[in-house]
Amino acid sequence: GLGDVSLVGVLGLVGSPALTRQQYAQYVPGFSLGAMLWATAPTGEYDGDKLINLGTNRWAFRVGTPLGWTFGGTYLSPKLTTLEFVPSVTFYTDNTDPFRANRVTQSELYRIEAHLTHNFTRAVWGSLDLTANDGARTDGQSDNNRKTWAGAGITAGVNFSPAFGLSGTYGRIISGNSSAPEGDGYRINLRYTF
């Protein structure tokens, strides 16, 4: 089956002007600040009689303020380096058909991501990734299951065109409390920008 579908939008507020192709090729970026909205819809396969599902049977809305600094020339520079931080908070609607329960609520998840990204050529790039997370307690404070954890990862990507690219990430949890997720994971991301 399929998991839940997410849709992400980012609006540049500072340091990311609208540019023509010619202006884009010559523009030397610096500091930037944006606004992000990430919505995840309950479209994945879900069965309330099963403990593990690909879908979550609830909506999630993540809002954040991505900010970054760019070093090394224009966006087209083969040696461009960026440092990015993305503080955000995720809000969840209730799951009204959970396994062996009537309803599950979940509190907000507070998150900050950091990415140090470097272009090795105009098409190939890589990044070091860190994240810290806190919150996401289910069903109020009586469960005492607040999740606090930190993770680290590495990403490699290739851009086939200015709008189309592929990246792969390996990451793992490096510390956390007893309610935090554990282990490591892999992610493949196919990106099309319009």
C-alpha atoms as a PDB file:
ATOM      1  CA  GLY A   1       0.000   0.000   0.000  1.00  0.00           C
ATOM      2  CA  LEU A   2       0.851   3.663   0.019  1.00  0.00           C
ATOM      3  CA  GLY A   3       1.628   6.027   2.896  1.00  0.00           C
ATOM      4  CA  ASP A   4       0.148   9.457   3.504  1.00  0.00           C
ATOM      5  CA  VAL A   5       0.669  12.213   0.929  1.00  0.00           C
ATOM      6  CA  SER A   6       2.388  15.460   1.959  1.00  0.00           C
ATOM      7  CA  LEU A   7       2.299  18.821   0.236  1.00  0.00           C
ATOM      8  CA  VAL A   8       4.925  21.451   1.113  1.00  0.00           C
ATOM      9  CA  GLY A   9       4.968  25.161   0.312  1.00  0.00           C
ATOM     10  CA  VAL A  10       7.715  27.681   1.078  1.00  0.00           C
ATOM     11  CA  LEU A  11       7.388  31.429   0.577  1.00  0.00           C
ATOM     12  CA  GLY A  12      10.549  33.529   0.503  1.00  0.00           C
ATOM     13  CA  LEU A  13      10.190  36.599   2.714  1.00  0.00           C
ATOM     14  CA  VAL A  14      13.744  38.009   2.839  1.00  0.00           C
ATOM     15  CA  GLY A  15      16.699  37.424   0.511  1.00  0.00           C
ATOM     16  CA  SER A  16      14.851  35.439  -2.150  1.00  0.00           C
ATOM     17  CA  PRO A  17      13.544  37.867  -4.775  1.00  0.00           C
ATOM     18  CA  ALA A  18      11.686  36.824  -7.917  1.00  0.00           C
ATOM     19  CA  LEU A  19      14.284  36.658 -10.688  1.00  0.00           C
ATOM     20  CA  THR A  20      14.383  36.100 -14.426  1.00  0.00           C
ATOM     21  CA  ARG A  21      16.685  33.325 -15.685  1.00  0.00           C
ATOM     22  CA  GLN A  22      19.375  35.875 -16.535  1.00  0.00           C
ATOM     23  CA  GLN A  23      19.090  37.570 -13.119  1.00  0.00           C
ATOM     24  CA  TYR A  24      19.136  34.166 -11.378  1.00  0.00           C
ATOM     25  CA  ALA A  25      22.415  33.239 -13.083  1.00  0.00           C
ATOM     26  CA  GLN A  26      24.052  36.452 -11.784  1.00  0.00           C
ATOM     27  CA  TYR A  27      22.399  36.808  -8.359  1.00  0.00           C
ATOM     28  CA  VAL A  28      24.729  36.379  -5.353  1.00  0.00           C
ATOM     29  CA  PRO A  29      22.591  35.212  -2.412  1.00  0.00           C
ATOM     30  CA  GLY A  30      23.311  35.819   1.262  1.00  0.00           C
ATOM     31  CA  PHE A  31      20.868  35.632   4.168  1.00  0.00           C
ATOM     32  CA  SER A  32      17.347  34.358   3.495  1.00  0.00           C
ATOM     33  CA  LEU A  33      14.203  33.887   5.580  1.00  0.00           C
ATOM     34  CA  GLY A  34      11.000  32.147   4.571  1.00  0.00           C
ATOM     35  CA  ALA A  35       7.671  30.799   5.751  1.00  0.00           C
ATOM     36  CA  MET A  36       6.830  27.106   5.363  1.00  0.00           C
ATOM     37  CA  LEU A  37       3.582  25.148   5.508  1.00  0.00           C
ATOM     38  CA  TRP A  38       3.665  21.345   5.279  1.00  0.00           C
ATOM     39  CA  ALA A  39       0.368  19.445   5.220  1.00  0.00           C
ATOM     40  CA  THR A  40       0.098  15.659   5.440  1.00  0.00           C
ATOM     41  CA  ALA A  41      -3.267  14.185   4.457  1.00  0.00           C
ATOM     42  CA  PRO A  42      -4.640  10.849   5.751  1.00  0.00           C
ATOM     43  CA  THR A  43      -4.518   9.207   2.309  1.00  0.00           C
ATOM     44  CA  GLY A  44      -2.407   6.149   3.174  1.00  0.00           C
ATOM     45  CA  GLU A  45      -3.546   2.592   3.705  1.00  0.00           C
ATOM     46  CA  TYR A  46      -5.054   2.314   7.214  1.00  0.00           C
ATOM     47  CA  ASP A  47      -6.916  -0.376   9.188  1.00  0.00           C
ATOM     48  CA  GLY A  48      -7.906   0.364  12.813  1.00  0.00           C
ATOM     49  CA  ASP A  49      -7.766  -3.391  13.584  1.00  0.00           C
ATOM     50  CA  LYS A  50      -4.010  -3.453  12.880  1.00  0.00           C
ATOM     51  CA  LEU A  51      -1.294  -2.121  15.191  1.00  0.00           C
ATOM     52  CA  ILE A  52       1.035  -1.052  12.335  1.00  0.00           C
ATOM     53  CA  ASN A  53      -0.219   0.918   9.330  1.00  0.00           C
ATOM     54  CA  LEU A  54       1.340   2.853   6.458  1.00  0.00           C
ATOM     55  CA  GLY A  55      -1.244   5.613   6.915  1.00  0.00           C
ATOM     56  CA  THR A  56      -1.841   7.616  10.099  1.00  0.00           C
ATOM     57  CA  ASN A  57      -5.612   8.264   9.812  1.00  0.00           C
ATOM     58  CA  ARG A  58      -5.177  11.931  10.749  1.00  0.00           C
ATOM     59  CA  TRP A  59      -4.013  15.241   9.341  1.00  0.00           C
ATOM     60  CA  ALA A  60      -0.705  16.843  10.311  1.00  0.00           C
ATOM     61  CA  PHE A  61       0.223  20.503   9.719  1.00  0.00           C
ATOM     62  CA  ARG A  62       3.817  21.681  10.105  1.00  0.00           C
ATOM     63  CA  VAL A  63       4.634  25.407  10.111  1.00  0.00           C
ATOM     64  CA  GLY A  64       8.147  26.798  10.191  1.00  0.00           C
ATOM     65  CA  THR A  65      10.526  29.603   9.314  1.00  0.00           C
ATOM     66  CA  PRO A  66      13.424  28.341   7.185  1.00  0.00           C
ATOM     67  CA  LEU A  67      16.466  30.592   7.330  1.00  0.00           C
ATOM     68  CA  GLY A  68      19.833  30.259   5.707  1.00  0.00           C
ATOM     69  CA  TRP A  69      23.132  31.736   4.673  1.00  0.00           C
ATOM     70  CA  THR A  70      24.747  31.122   1.302  1.00  0.00           C
ATOM     71  CA  PHE A  71      28.492  31.333   0.593  1.00  0.00           C
ATOM     72  CA  GLY A  72      30.573  30.976  -2.548  1.00  0.00           C
ATOM     73  CA  GLY A  73      29.021  32.934  -5.390  1.00  0.00           C
ATOM     74  CA  THR A  74      25.825  32.584  -7.402  1.00  0.00           C
ATOM     75  CA  TYR A  75      23.259  29.789  -7.203  1.00  0.00           C
ATOM     76  CA  LEU A  76      24.934  28.252 -10.263  1.00  0.00           C
ATOM     77  CA  SER A  77      28.385  28.113  -8.648  1.00  0.00           C
ATOM     78  CA  PRO A  78      29.779  24.563  -8.626  1.00  0.00           C
ATOM     79  CA  LYS A  79      31.278  25.250  -5.170  1.00  0.00           C
ATOM     80  CA  LEU A  80      28.294  26.873  -3.442  1.00  0.00           C
ATOM     81  CA  THR A  81      27.869  26.170   0.303  1.00  0.00           C
ATOM     82  CA  THR A  82      24.741  26.829   2.363  1.00  0.00           C
ATOM     83  CA  LEU A  83      23.977  26.693   6.076  1.00  0.00           C
ATOM     84  CA  GLU A  84      20.267  26.300   6.845  1.00  0.00           C
ATOM     85  CA  PHE A  85      18.139  26.148   9.990  1.00  0.00           C
ATOM     86  CA  VAL A  86      14.449  25.206   9.994  1.00  0.00           C
ATOM     87  CA  PRO A  87      12.645  25.703  13.326  1.00  0.00           C
ATOM     88  CA  SER A  88       9.101  24.342  13.129  1.00  0.00           C
ATOM     89  CA  VAL A  89       6.106  22.995  15.029  1.00  0.00           C
ATOM     90  CA  THR A  90       3.763  20.208  13.868  1.00  0.00           C
ATOM     91  CA  PHE A  91       0.104  20.055  14.896  1.00  0.00           C
ATOM     92  CA  TYR A  92      -1.939  16.842  14.651  1.00  0.00           C
ATOM     93  CA  THR A  93      -5.653  16.166  14.352  1.00  0.00           C
ATOM     94  CA  ASP A  94      -7.100  13.215  16.279  1.00  0.00           C
ATOM     95  CA  ASN A  95      -6.989   9.631  15.043  1.00  0.00           C
ATOM     96  CA  THR A  96     -10.634   8.556  15.456  1.00  0.00           C
ATOM     97  CA  ASP A  97     -10.057   4.862  14.687  1.00  0.00           C
ATOM     98  CA  PRO A  98      -6.867   3.771  16.497  1.00  0.00           C
ATOM     99  CA  PHE A  99      -5.917   0.211  17.366  1.00  0.00           C
ATOM    100  CA  ARG A 100      -7.745  -0.883  20.565  1.00  0.00           C
ATOM    101  CA  ALA A 101      -8.946   2.617  21.480  1.00  0.00           C
ATOM    102  CA  ASN A 102     -11.704   5.084  20.596  1.00  0.00           C
ATOM    103  CA  ARG A 103      -9.540   8.129  19.866  1.00  0.00           C
ATOM    104  CA  VAL A 104      -5.880   9.133  20.074  1.00  0.00           C
ATOM    105  CA  THR A 105      -4.779  12.744  20.449  1.00  0.00           C
ATOM    106  CA  GLN A 106      -1.217  14.004  20.105  1.00  0.00           C
ATOM    107  CA  SER A 107       0.342  17.254  21.286  1.00  0.00           C
ATOM    108  CA  GLU A 108       2.593  19.454  19.156  1.00  0.00           C
ATOM    109  CA  LEU A 109       6.046  18.334  18.043  1.00  0.00           C
ATOM    110  CA  TYR A 110       8.723  21.050  18.201  1.00  0.00           C
ATOM    111  CA  ARG A 111      11.622  20.533  15.817  1.00  0.00           C
ATOM    112  CA  ILE A 112      14.761  22.263  14.594  1.00  0.00           C
ATOM    113  CA  GLU A 113      16.743  21.051  11.621  1.00  0.00           C
ATOM    114  CA  ALA A 114      20.223  22.116  10.534  1.00  0.00           C
ATOM    115  CA  HIS A 115      21.787  21.389   7.149  1.00  0.00           C
ATOM    116  CA  LEU A 116      25.281  22.159   5.863  1.00  0.00           C
ATOM    117  CA  THR A 117      25.124  21.665   2.088  1.00  0.00           C
ATOM    118  CA  HIS A 118      27.926  21.868  -0.475  1.00  0.00           C
ATOM    119  CA  ASN A 119      27.923  21.642  -4.278  1.00  0.00           C
ATOM    120  CA  PHE A 120      30.714  19.423  -5.600  1.00  0.00           C
ATOM    121  CA  THR A 121      29.808  20.178  -9.231  1.00  0.00           C
ATOM    122  CA  ARG A 122      26.879  21.989 -10.849  1.00  0.00           C
ATOM    123  CA  ALA A 123      24.916  18.710 -10.695  1.00  0.00           C
ATOM    124  CA  VAL A 124      26.200  16.813  -7.620  1.00  0.00           C
ATOM    125  CA  TRP A 125      25.785  17.969  -4.015  1.00  0.00           C
ATOM    126  CA  GLY A 126      25.894  16.605  -0.481  1.00  0.00           C
ATOM    127  CA  SER A 127      24.838  17.654   3.007  1.00  0.00           C
ATOM    128  CA  LEU A 128      25.319  16.909   6.676  1.00  0.00           C
ATOM    129  CA  ASP A 129      22.019  16.978   8.555  1.00  0.00           C
ATOM    130  CA  LEU A 130      21.115  17.361  12.254  1.00  0.00           C
ATOM    131  CA  THR A 131      17.707  17.486  13.927  1.00  0.00           C
ATOM    132  CA  ALA A 132      16.403  17.935  17.464  1.00  0.00           C
ATOM    133  CA  ASN A 133      12.798  17.119  18.416  1.00  0.00           C
ATOM    134  CA  ASP A 134      10.641  17.501  21.527  1.00  0.00           C
ATOM    135  CA  GLY A 135       6.963  16.929  22.264  1.00  0.00           C
ATOM    136  CA  ALA A 136       4.346  14.765  20.518  1.00  0.00           C
ATOM    137  CA  ARG A 137       2.875  13.412  23.762  1.00  0.00           C
ATOM    138  CA  THR A 138      -0.211  11.274  23.101  1.00  0.00           C
ATOM    139  CA  ASP A 139      -3.469  11.567  25.091  1.00  0.00           C
ATOM    140  CA  GLY A 140      -2.314  14.245  27.512  1.00  0.00           C
ATOM    141  CA  GLN A 141       0.164  14.135  30.357  1.00  0.00           C
ATOM    142  CA  SER A 142      -1.118  10.969  32.020  1.00  0.00           C
ATOM    143  CA  ASP A 143       0.705   8.782  29.488  1.00  0.00           C
ATOM    144  CA  ASN A 144       4.063  10.422  30.339  1.00  0.00           C
ATOM    145  CA  ASN A 145       5.306   9.664  26.817  1.00  0.00           C
ATOM    146  CA  ARG A 146       6.809  12.985  25.721  1.00  0.00           C
ATOM    147  CA  LYS A 147       9.354  12.267  23.013  1.00  0.00           C
ATOM    148  CA  THR A 148      12.754  13.966  23.024  1.00  0.00           C
ATOM    149  CA  TRP A 149      15.423  12.929  20.555  1.00  0.00           C
ATOM    150  CA  ALA A 150      18.231  14.070  18.260  1.00  0.00           C
ATOM    151  CA  GLY A 151      19.237  12.617  14.931  1.00  0.00           C
ATOM    152  CA  ALA A 152      22.029  12.968  12.384  1.00  0.00           C
ATOM    153  CA  GLY A 153      22.315  12.081   8.733  1.00  0.00           C
ATOM    154  CA  ILE A 154      24.058  12.498   5.437  1.00  0.00           C
ATOM    155  CA  THR A 155      22.466  13.237   2.056  1.00  0.00           C
ATOM    156  CA  ALA A 156      23.779  12.993  -1.504  1.00  0.00           C
ATOM    157  CA  GLY A 157      21.933  14.387  -4.501  1.00  0.00           C
ATOM    158  CA  VAL A 158      22.100  14.893  -8.226  1.00  0.00           C
ATOM    159  CA  ASN A 159      20.274  17.548 -10.245  1.00  0.00           C
ATOM    160  CA  PHE A 160      19.310  16.383 -13.726  1.00  0.00           C
ATOM    161  CA  SER A 161      17.998  19.851 -14.592  1.00  0.00           C
ATOM    162  CA  PRO A 162      17.283  23.068 -12.659  1.00  0.00           C
ATOM    163  CA  ALA A 163      13.796  21.738 -11.840  1.00  0.00           C
ATOM    164  CA  PHE A 164      14.342  17.980 -11.495  1.00  0.00           C
ATOM    165  CA  GLY A 165      16.581  16.097  -9.055  1.00  0.00           C
ATOM    166  CA  LEU A 166      17.096  12.948  -6.997  1.00  0.00           C
ATOM    167  CA  SER A 167      18.572  12.596  -3.497  1.00  0.00           C
ATOM    168  CA  GLY A 168      19.206   9.813  -1.009  1.00  0.00           C
ATOM    169  CA  THR A 169      19.548  10.186   2.771  1.00  0.00           C
ATOM    170  CA  TYR A 170      20.839   7.936   5.517  1.00  0.00           C
ATOM    171  CA  GLY A 171      20.035   8.995   9.079  1.00  0.00           C
ATOM    172  CA  ARG A 172      19.977   7.623  12.599  1.00  0.00           C
ATOM    173  CA  ILE A 173      18.807   8.567  16.068  1.00  0.00           C
ATOM    174  CA  ILE A 174      21.879   9.514  18.108  1.00  0.00           C
ATOM    175  CA  SER A 175      20.198  10.201  21.466  1.00  0.00           C
ATOM    176  CA  GLY A 176      16.751  10.235  23.017  1.00  0.00           C
ATOM    177  CA  ASN A 177      14.550   9.488  25.988  1.00  0.00           C
ATOM    178  CA  SER A 178      12.682   6.207  26.547  1.00  0.00           C
ATOM    179  CA  SER A 179       9.665   7.317  24.436  1.00  0.00           C
ATOM    180  CA  ALA A 180      11.735   8.473  21.469  1.00  0.00           C
ATOM    181  CA  PRO A 181      12.075   6.557  18.211  1.00  0.00           C
ATOM    182  CA  GLU A 182      15.165   4.395  17.782  1.00  0.00           C
ATOM    183  CA  GLY A 183      17.270   3.120  14.913  1.00  0.00           C
ATOM    184  CA  ASP A 184      18.266   4.370  11.522  1.00  0.00           C
ATOM    185  CA  GLY A 185      16.565   4.877   8.193  1.00  0.00           C
ATOM    186  CA  TYR A 186      16.926   5.593   4.507  1.00  0.00           C
ATOM    187  CA  ARG A 187      14.971   7.961   2.281  1.00  0.00           C
ATOM    188  CA  ILE A 188      14.893   8.485  -1.495  1.00  0.00           C
ATOM    189  CA  ASN A 189      13.489  11.834  -2.652  1.00  0.00           C
ATOM    190  CA  LEU A 190      12.501  12.619  -6.232  1.00  0.00           C
ATOM    191  CA  ARG A 191      12.017  16.395  -6.615  1.00  0.00           C
ATOM    192  CA  TYR A 192      10.306  18.464  -9.268  1.00  0.00           C
ATOM    193  CA  THR A 193      10.199  22.250  -8.744  1.00  0.00           C
ATOM    194  CA  PHE A 194       7.801  24.442 -10.683  1.00  0.00           C
END
